Amino acid sequence: MSSALTPKRVAVLHYCMASVWTLLLIPTLILWKNSVLWIAFMSLYANVAAHLSAAKASRAEQEAEK
């Protein structure tokens, strides 16, 4: 892996992206009331869960390197 993409940086990236998707939940629930709310919520939840899982895997990779 290149020095620019260390496991710690990848984990931070995934935590940041999980936060972005979590913040997008607010306008989805408040501003986009006429949208298909359940589908939108589940899509956002899936993105958050995927990023948190990827961050956890990256942390495990980081621990394995030690």
PDB file of N, CA and C in Angstrom:
ATOM      1  N   MET A   1       0.847  -1.172   0.000  1.00  0.00           N
ATOM      2  CA  MET A   1       0.000   0.000   0.000  1.00  0.00           C
ATOM      3  C   MET A   1       0.891   1.233   0.000  1.00  0.00           C
ATOM      4  N   SER A   2       0.523   2.255  -0.743  1.00  0.00           N
ATOM      5  CA  SER A   2       1.352   3.454  -0.808  1.00  0.00           C
ATOM      6  C   SER A   2       1.303   4.198   0.524  1.00  0.00           C
ATOM      7  N   SER A   3       2.293   5.037   0.737  1.00  0.00           N
ATOM      8  CA  SER A   3       2.356   5.773   1.999  1.00  0.00           C
ATOM      9  C   SER A   3       1.214   6.772   2.137  1.00  0.00           C
ATOM     10  N   ALA A   4       0.623   7.183   1.029  1.00  0.00           N
ATOM     11  CA  ALA A   4      -0.502   8.118   1.082  1.00  0.00           C
ATOM     12  C   ALA A   4      -1.775   7.447   1.583  1.00  0.00           C
ATOM     13  N   LEU A   5      -1.887   6.149   1.395  1.00  0.00           N
ATOM     14  CA  LEU A   5      -3.094   5.431   1.805  1.00  0.00           C
ATOM     15  C   LEU A   5      -2.777   4.423   2.909  1.00  0.00           C
ATOM     16  N   THR A   6      -2.337   4.927   4.021  1.00  0.00           N
ATOM     17  CA  THR A   6      -2.077   4.048   5.153  1.00  0.00           C
ATOM     18  C   THR A   6      -3.409   3.583   5.726  1.00  0.00           C
ATOM     19  N   PRO A   7      -3.425   2.460   6.415  1.00  0.00           N
ATOM     20  CA  PRO A   7      -4.682   1.984   7.006  1.00  0.00           C
ATOM     21  C   PRO A   7      -5.338   3.017   7.924  1.00  0.00           C
ATOM     22  N   LYS A   8      -4.529   3.781   8.654  1.00  0.00           N
ATOM     23  CA  LYS A   8      -5.098   4.800   9.545  1.00  0.00           C
ATOM     24  C   LYS A   8      -5.806   5.891   8.744  1.00  0.00           C
ATOM     25  N   ARG A   9      -5.197   6.325   7.633  1.00  0.00           N
ATOM     26  CA  ARG A   9      -5.829   7.348   6.802  1.00  0.00           C
ATOM     27  C   ARG A   9      -7.098   6.825   6.144  1.00  0.00           C
ATOM     28  N   VAL A  10      -7.074   5.585   5.739  1.00  0.00           N
ATOM     29  CA  VAL A  10      -8.269   4.984   5.131  1.00  0.00           C
ATOM     30  C   VAL A  10      -9.389   4.908   6.164  1.00  0.00           C
ATOM     31  N   ALA A  11      -9.052   4.534   7.396  1.00  0.00           N
ATOM     32  CA  ALA A  11     -10.060   4.477   8.459  1.00  0.00           C
ATOM     33  C   ALA A  11     -10.649   5.857   8.715  1.00  0.00           C
ATOM     34  N   VAL A  12      -9.805   6.882   8.766  1.00  0.00           N
ATOM     35  CA  VAL A  12     -10.284   8.252   8.977  1.00  0.00           C
ATOM     36  C   VAL A  12     -11.194   8.674   7.830  1.00  0.00           C
ATOM     37  N   LEU A  13     -10.806   8.342   6.612  1.00  0.00           N
ATOM     38  CA  LEU A  13     -11.640   8.660   5.454  1.00  0.00           C
ATOM     39  C   LEU A  13     -13.024   8.023   5.585  1.00  0.00           C
ATOM     40  N   HIS A  14     -13.061   6.764   5.980  1.00  0.00           N
ATOM     41  CA  HIS A  14     -14.354   6.081   6.106  1.00  0.00           C
ATOM     42  C   HIS A  14     -15.189   6.662   7.241  1.00  0.00           C
ATOM     43  N   TYR A  15     -14.549   7.033   8.342  1.00  0.00           N
ATOM     44  CA  TYR A  15     -15.297   7.682   9.422  1.00  0.00           C
ATOM     45  C   TYR A  15     -15.849   9.030   8.968  1.00  0.00           C
ATOM     46  N   CYS A  16     -15.070   9.770   8.197  1.00  0.00           N
ATOM     47  CA  CYS A  16     -15.551  11.052   7.673  1.00  0.00           C
ATOM     48  C   CYS A  16     -16.733  10.852   6.729  1.00  0.00           C
ATOM     49  N   MET A  17     -16.622   9.875   5.842  1.00  0.00           N
ATOM     50  CA  MET A  17     -17.714   9.616   4.913  1.00  0.00           C
ATOM     51  C   MET A  17     -18.964   9.123   5.636  1.00  0.00           C
ATOM     52  N   ALA A  18     -18.805   8.331   6.680  1.00  0.00           N
ATOM     53  CA  ALA A  18     -19.961   7.897   7.473  1.00  0.00           C
ATOM     54  C   ALA A  18     -20.635   9.119   8.099  1.00  0.00           C
ATOM     55  N   SER A  19     -19.839  10.087   8.541  1.00  0.00           N
ATOM     56  CA  SER A  19     -20.398  11.317   9.107  1.00  0.00           C
ATOM     57  C   SER A  19     -21.152  12.117   8.050  1.00  0.00           C
ATOM     58  N   VAL A  20     -20.595  12.186   6.844  1.00  0.00           N
ATOM     59  CA  VAL A  20     -21.273  12.909   5.758  1.00  0.00           C
ATOM     60  C   VAL A  20     -22.624  12.281   5.471  1.00  0.00           C
ATOM     61  N   TRP A  21     -22.655  10.955   5.363  1.00  0.00           N
ATOM     62  CA  TRP A  21     -23.925  10.284   5.077  1.00  0.00           C
ATOM     63  C   TRP A  21     -24.910  10.468   6.224  1.00  0.00           C
ATOM     64  N   THR A  22     -24.405  10.490   7.452  1.00  0.00           N
ATOM     65  CA  THR A  22     -25.276  10.712   8.603  1.00  0.00           C
ATOM     66  C   THR A  22     -25.859  12.121   8.549  1.00  0.00           C
ATOM     67  N   LEU A  23     -25.050  13.109   8.202  1.00  0.00           N
ATOM     68  CA  LEU A  23     -25.549  14.474   8.086  1.00  0.00           C
ATOM     69  C   LEU A  23     -26.568  14.614   6.951  1.00  0.00           C
ATOM     70  N   LEU A  24     -26.420  13.840   5.895  1.00  0.00           N
ATOM     71  CA  LEU A  24     -27.390  13.885   4.796  1.00  0.00           C
ATOM     72  C   LEU A  24     -28.746  13.317   5.201  1.00  0.00           C
ATOM     73  N   LEU A  25     -28.772  12.601   6.309  1.00  0.00           N
ATOM     74  CA  LEU A  25     -30.044  12.069   6.798  1.00  0.00           C
ATOM     75  C   LEU A  25     -30.992  13.200   7.196  1.00  0.00           C
ATOM     76  N   ILE A  26     -30.445  14.304   7.717  1.00  0.00           N
ATOM     77  CA  ILE A  26     -31.273  15.419   8.182  1.00  0.00           C
ATOM     78  C   ILE A  26     -32.099  16.026   7.050  1.00  0.00           C
ATOM     79  N   PRO A  27     -31.478  16.473   5.938  1.00  0.00           N
ATOM     80  CA  PRO A  27     -32.334  17.011   4.872  1.00  0.00           C
ATOM     81  C   PRO A  27     -33.244  15.956   4.241  1.00  0.00           C
ATOM     82  N   THR A  28     -32.819  14.714   4.279  1.00  0.00           N
ATOM     83  CA  THR A  28     -33.669  13.655   3.730  1.00  0.00           C
ATOM     84  C   THR A  28     -34.972  13.565   4.514  1.00  0.00           C
ATOM     85  N   LEU A  29     -34.879  13.646   5.835  1.00  0.00           N
ATOM     86  CA  LEU A  29     -36.068  13.511   6.672  1.00  0.00           C
ATOM     87  C   LEU A  29     -36.892  14.791   6.755  1.00  0.00           C
ATOM     88  N   ILE A  30     -36.236  15.964   6.664  1.00  0.00           N
ATOM     89  CA  ILE A  30     -36.936  17.227   6.874  1.00  0.00           C
ATOM     90  C   ILE A  30     -37.348  17.898   5.559  1.00  0.00           C
ATOM     91  N   LEU A  31     -36.408  18.043   4.654  1.00  0.00           N
ATOM     92  CA  LEU A  31     -36.664  18.837   3.455  1.00  0.00           C
ATOM     93  C   LEU A  31     -37.261  18.046   2.301  1.00  0.00           C
ATOM     94  N   TRP A  32     -36.934  16.793   2.233  1.00  0.00           N
ATOM     95  CA  TRP A  32     -37.391  15.993   1.100  1.00  0.00           C
ATOM     96  C   TRP A  32     -38.566  15.094   1.507  1.00  0.00           C
ATOM     97  N   LYS A  33     -39.586  15.717   2.120  1.00  0.00           N
ATOM     98  CA  LYS A  33     -40.722  14.950   2.632  1.00  0.00           C
ATOM     99  C   LYS A  33     -41.512  14.262   1.529  1.00  0.00           C
ATOM    100  N   ASN A  34     -41.491  14.783   0.334  1.00  0.00           N
ATOM    101  CA  ASN A  34     -42.257  14.190  -0.754  1.00  0.00           C
ATOM    102  C   ASN A  34     -41.502  13.084  -1.477  1.00  0.00           C
ATOM    103  N   SER A  35     -40.286  12.812  -1.018  1.00  0.00           N
ATOM    104  CA  SER A  35     -39.516  11.737  -1.640  1.00  0.00           C
ATOM    105  C   SER A  35     -39.982  10.397  -1.073  1.00  0.00           C
ATOM    106  N   VAL A  36     -39.471   9.369  -1.609  1.00  0.00           N
ATOM    107  CA  VAL A  36     -39.775   8.050  -1.064  1.00  0.00           C
ATOM    108  C   VAL A  36     -38.880   7.910   0.168  1.00  0.00           C
ATOM    109  N   LEU A  37     -39.413   8.339   1.296  1.00  0.00           N
ATOM    110  CA  LEU A  37     -38.629   8.519   2.507  1.00  0.00           C
ATOM    111  C   LEU A  37     -37.960   7.240   2.981  1.00  0.00           C
ATOM    112  N   TRP A  38     -38.687   6.156   2.960  1.00  0.00           N
ATOM    113  CA  TRP A  38     -38.119   4.902   3.469  1.00  0.00           C
ATOM    114  C   TRP A  38     -36.924   4.454   2.630  1.00  0.00           C
ATOM    115  N   ILE A  39     -37.046   4.553   1.325  1.00  0.00           N
ATOM    116  CA  ILE A  39     -35.953   4.163   0.440  1.00  0.00           C
ATOM    117  C   ILE A  39     -34.757   5.081   0.650  1.00  0.00           C
ATOM    118  N   ALA A  40     -35.014   6.363   0.765  1.00  0.00           N
ATOM    119  CA  ALA A  40     -33.924   7.312   0.989  1.00  0.00           C
ATOM    120  C   ALA A  40     -33.225   7.026   2.314  1.00  0.00           C
ATOM    121  N   PHE A  41     -33.986   6.798   3.353  1.00  0.00           N
ATOM    122  CA  PHE A  41     -33.396   6.508   4.667  1.00  0.00           C
ATOM    123  C   PHE A  41     -32.567   5.230   4.630  1.00  0.00           C
ATOM    124  N   MET A  42     -33.110   4.207   4.023  1.00  0.00           N
ATOM    125  CA  MET A  42     -32.388   2.934   3.970  1.00  0.00           C
ATOM    126  C   MET A  42     -31.121   3.050   3.134  1.00  0.00           C
ATOM    127  N   SER A  43     -31.150   3.836   2.073  1.00  0.00           N
ATOM    128  CA  SER A  43     -29.953   4.041   1.268  1.00  0.00           C
ATOM    129  C   SER A  43     -28.878   4.758   2.072  1.00  0.00           C
ATOM    130  N   LEU A  44     -29.271   5.786   2.807  1.00  0.00           N
ATOM    131  CA  LEU A  44     -28.313   6.497   3.651  1.00  0.00           C
ATOM    132  C   LEU A  44     -27.775   5.582   4.745  1.00  0.00           C
ATOM    133  N   TYR A  45     -28.653   4.801   5.348  1.00  0.00           N
ATOM    134  CA  TYR A  45     -28.216   3.868   6.386  1.00  0.00           C
ATOM    135  C   TYR A  45     -27.216   2.855   5.816  1.00  0.00           C
ATOM    136  N   ALA A  46     -27.477   2.372   4.628  1.00  0.00           N
ATOM    137  CA  ALA A  46     -26.570   1.399   4.005  1.00  0.00           C
ATOM    138  C   ALA A  46     -25.196   2.015   3.767  1.00  0.00           C
ATOM    139  N   ASN A  47     -25.164   3.274   3.345  1.00  0.00           N
ATOM    140  CA  ASN A  47     -23.880   3.944   3.141  1.00  0.00           C
ATOM    141  C   ASN A  47     -23.130   4.136   4.455  1.00  0.00           C
ATOM    142  N   VAL A  48     -23.829   4.537   5.502  1.00  0.00           N
ATOM    143  CA  VAL A  48     -23.193   4.698   6.814  1.00  0.00           C
ATOM    144  C   VAL A  48     -22.646   3.363   7.292  1.00  0.00           C
ATOM    145  N   ALA A  49     -23.455   2.321   7.221  1.00  0.00           N
ATOM    146  CA  ALA A  49     -23.022   1.000   7.687  1.00  0.00           C
ATOM    147  C   ALA A  49     -21.828   0.492   6.884  1.00  0.00           C
ATOM    148  N   ALA A  50     -21.834   0.724   5.590  1.00  0.00           N
ATOM    149  CA  ALA A  50     -20.718   0.269   4.748  1.00  0.00           C
ATOM    150  C   ALA A  50     -19.428   0.992   5.112  1.00  0.00           C
ATOM    151  N   HIS A  51     -19.506   2.288   5.335  1.00  0.00           N
ATOM    152  CA  HIS A  51     -18.298   3.032   5.690  1.00  0.00           C
ATOM    153  C   HIS A  51     -17.792   2.643   7.079  1.00  0.00           C
ATOM    154  N   LEU A  52     -18.683   2.442   8.013  1.00  0.00           N
ATOM    155  CA  LEU A  52     -18.238   2.027   9.350  1.00  0.00           C
ATOM    156  C   LEU A  52     -17.604   0.637   9.306  1.00  0.00           C
ATOM    157  N   SER A  53     -18.162  -0.244   8.506  1.00  0.00           N
ATOM    158  CA  SER A  53     -17.574  -1.582   8.355  1.00  0.00           C
ATOM    159  C   SER A  53     -16.201  -1.508   7.699  1.00  0.00           C
ATOM    160  N   ALA A  54     -16.084  -0.676   6.686  1.00  0.00           N
ATOM    161  CA  ALA A  54     -14.797  -0.517   6.011  1.00  0.00           C
ATOM    162  C   ALA A  54     -13.767   0.108   6.940  1.00  0.00           C
ATOM    163  N   ALA A  55     -14.196   1.042   7.770  1.00  0.00           N
ATOM    164  CA  ALA A  55     -13.277   1.654   8.728  1.00  0.00           C
ATOM    165  C   ALA A  55     -12.798   0.625   9.739  1.00  0.00           C
ATOM    166  N   LYS A  56     -13.697  -0.219  10.194  1.00  0.00           N
ATOM    167  CA  LYS A  56     -13.309  -1.263  11.145  1.00  0.00           C
ATOM    168  C   LYS A  56     -12.324  -2.242  10.506  1.00  0.00           C
ATOM    169  N   ALA A  57     -12.552  -2.589   9.253  1.00  0.00           N
ATOM    170  CA  ALA A  57     -11.628  -3.485   8.548  1.00  0.00           C
ATOM    171  C   ALA A  57     -10.264  -2.825   8.377  1.00  0.00           C
ATOM    172  N   SER A  58     -10.281  -1.526   8.114  1.00  0.00           N
ATOM    173  CA  SER A  58      -9.020  -0.812   7.968  1.00  0.00           C
ATOM    174  C   SER A  58      -8.256  -0.770   9.289  1.00  0.00           C
ATOM    175  N   ARG A  59      -8.979  -0.615  10.383  1.00  0.00           N
ATOM    176  CA  ARG A  59      -8.321  -0.621  11.704  1.00  0.00           C
ATOM    177  C   ARG A  59      -7.736  -2.002  11.994  1.00  0.00           C
ATOM    178  N   ALA A  60      -8.437  -3.044  11.590  1.00  0.00           N
ATOM    179  CA  ALA A  60      -7.925  -4.391  11.790  1.00  0.00           C
ATOM    180  C   ALA A  60      -6.642  -4.588  10.979  1.00  0.00           C
ATOM    181  N   GLU A  61      -6.609  -4.047   9.771  1.00  0.00           N
ATOM    182  CA  GLU A  61      -5.411  -4.129   8.934  1.00  0.00           C
ATOM    183  C   GLU A  61      -4.261  -3.379   9.591  1.00  0.00           C
ATOM    184  N   GLN A  62      -4.585  -2.244  10.175  1.00  0.00           N
ATOM    185  CA  GLN A  62      -3.565  -1.445  10.853  1.00  0.00           C
ATOM    186  C   GLN A  62      -2.989  -2.227  12.044  1.00  0.00           C
ATOM    187  N   GLU A  63      -3.836  -2.882  12.798  1.00  0.00           N
ATOM    188  CA  GLU A  63      -3.364  -3.677  13.944  1.00  0.00           C
ATOM    189  C   GLU A  63      -2.524  -4.851  13.480  1.00  0.00           C
ATOM    190  N   ALA A  64      -2.869  -5.425  12.340  1.00  0.00           N
ATOM    191  CA  ALA A  64      -2.110  -6.575  11.822  1.00  0.00           C
ATOM    192  C   ALA A  64      -0.708  -6.169  11.382  1.00  0.00           C
ATOM    193  N   GLU A  65      -0.548  -4.910  10.964  1.00  0.00           N
ATOM    194  CA  GLU A  65       0.763  -4.440  10.546  1.00  0.00           C
ATOM    195  C   GLU A  65       1.732  -4.270  11.705  1.00  0.00           C
ATOM    196  N   LYS A  66       1.205  -4.085  12.905  1.00  0.00           N
ATOM    197  CA  LYS A  66       2.067  -3.843  14.076  1.00  0.00           C
ATOM    198  C   LYS A  66       2.815  -5.048  14.522  1.00  0.00           C
TER     199      LYS A  66
END
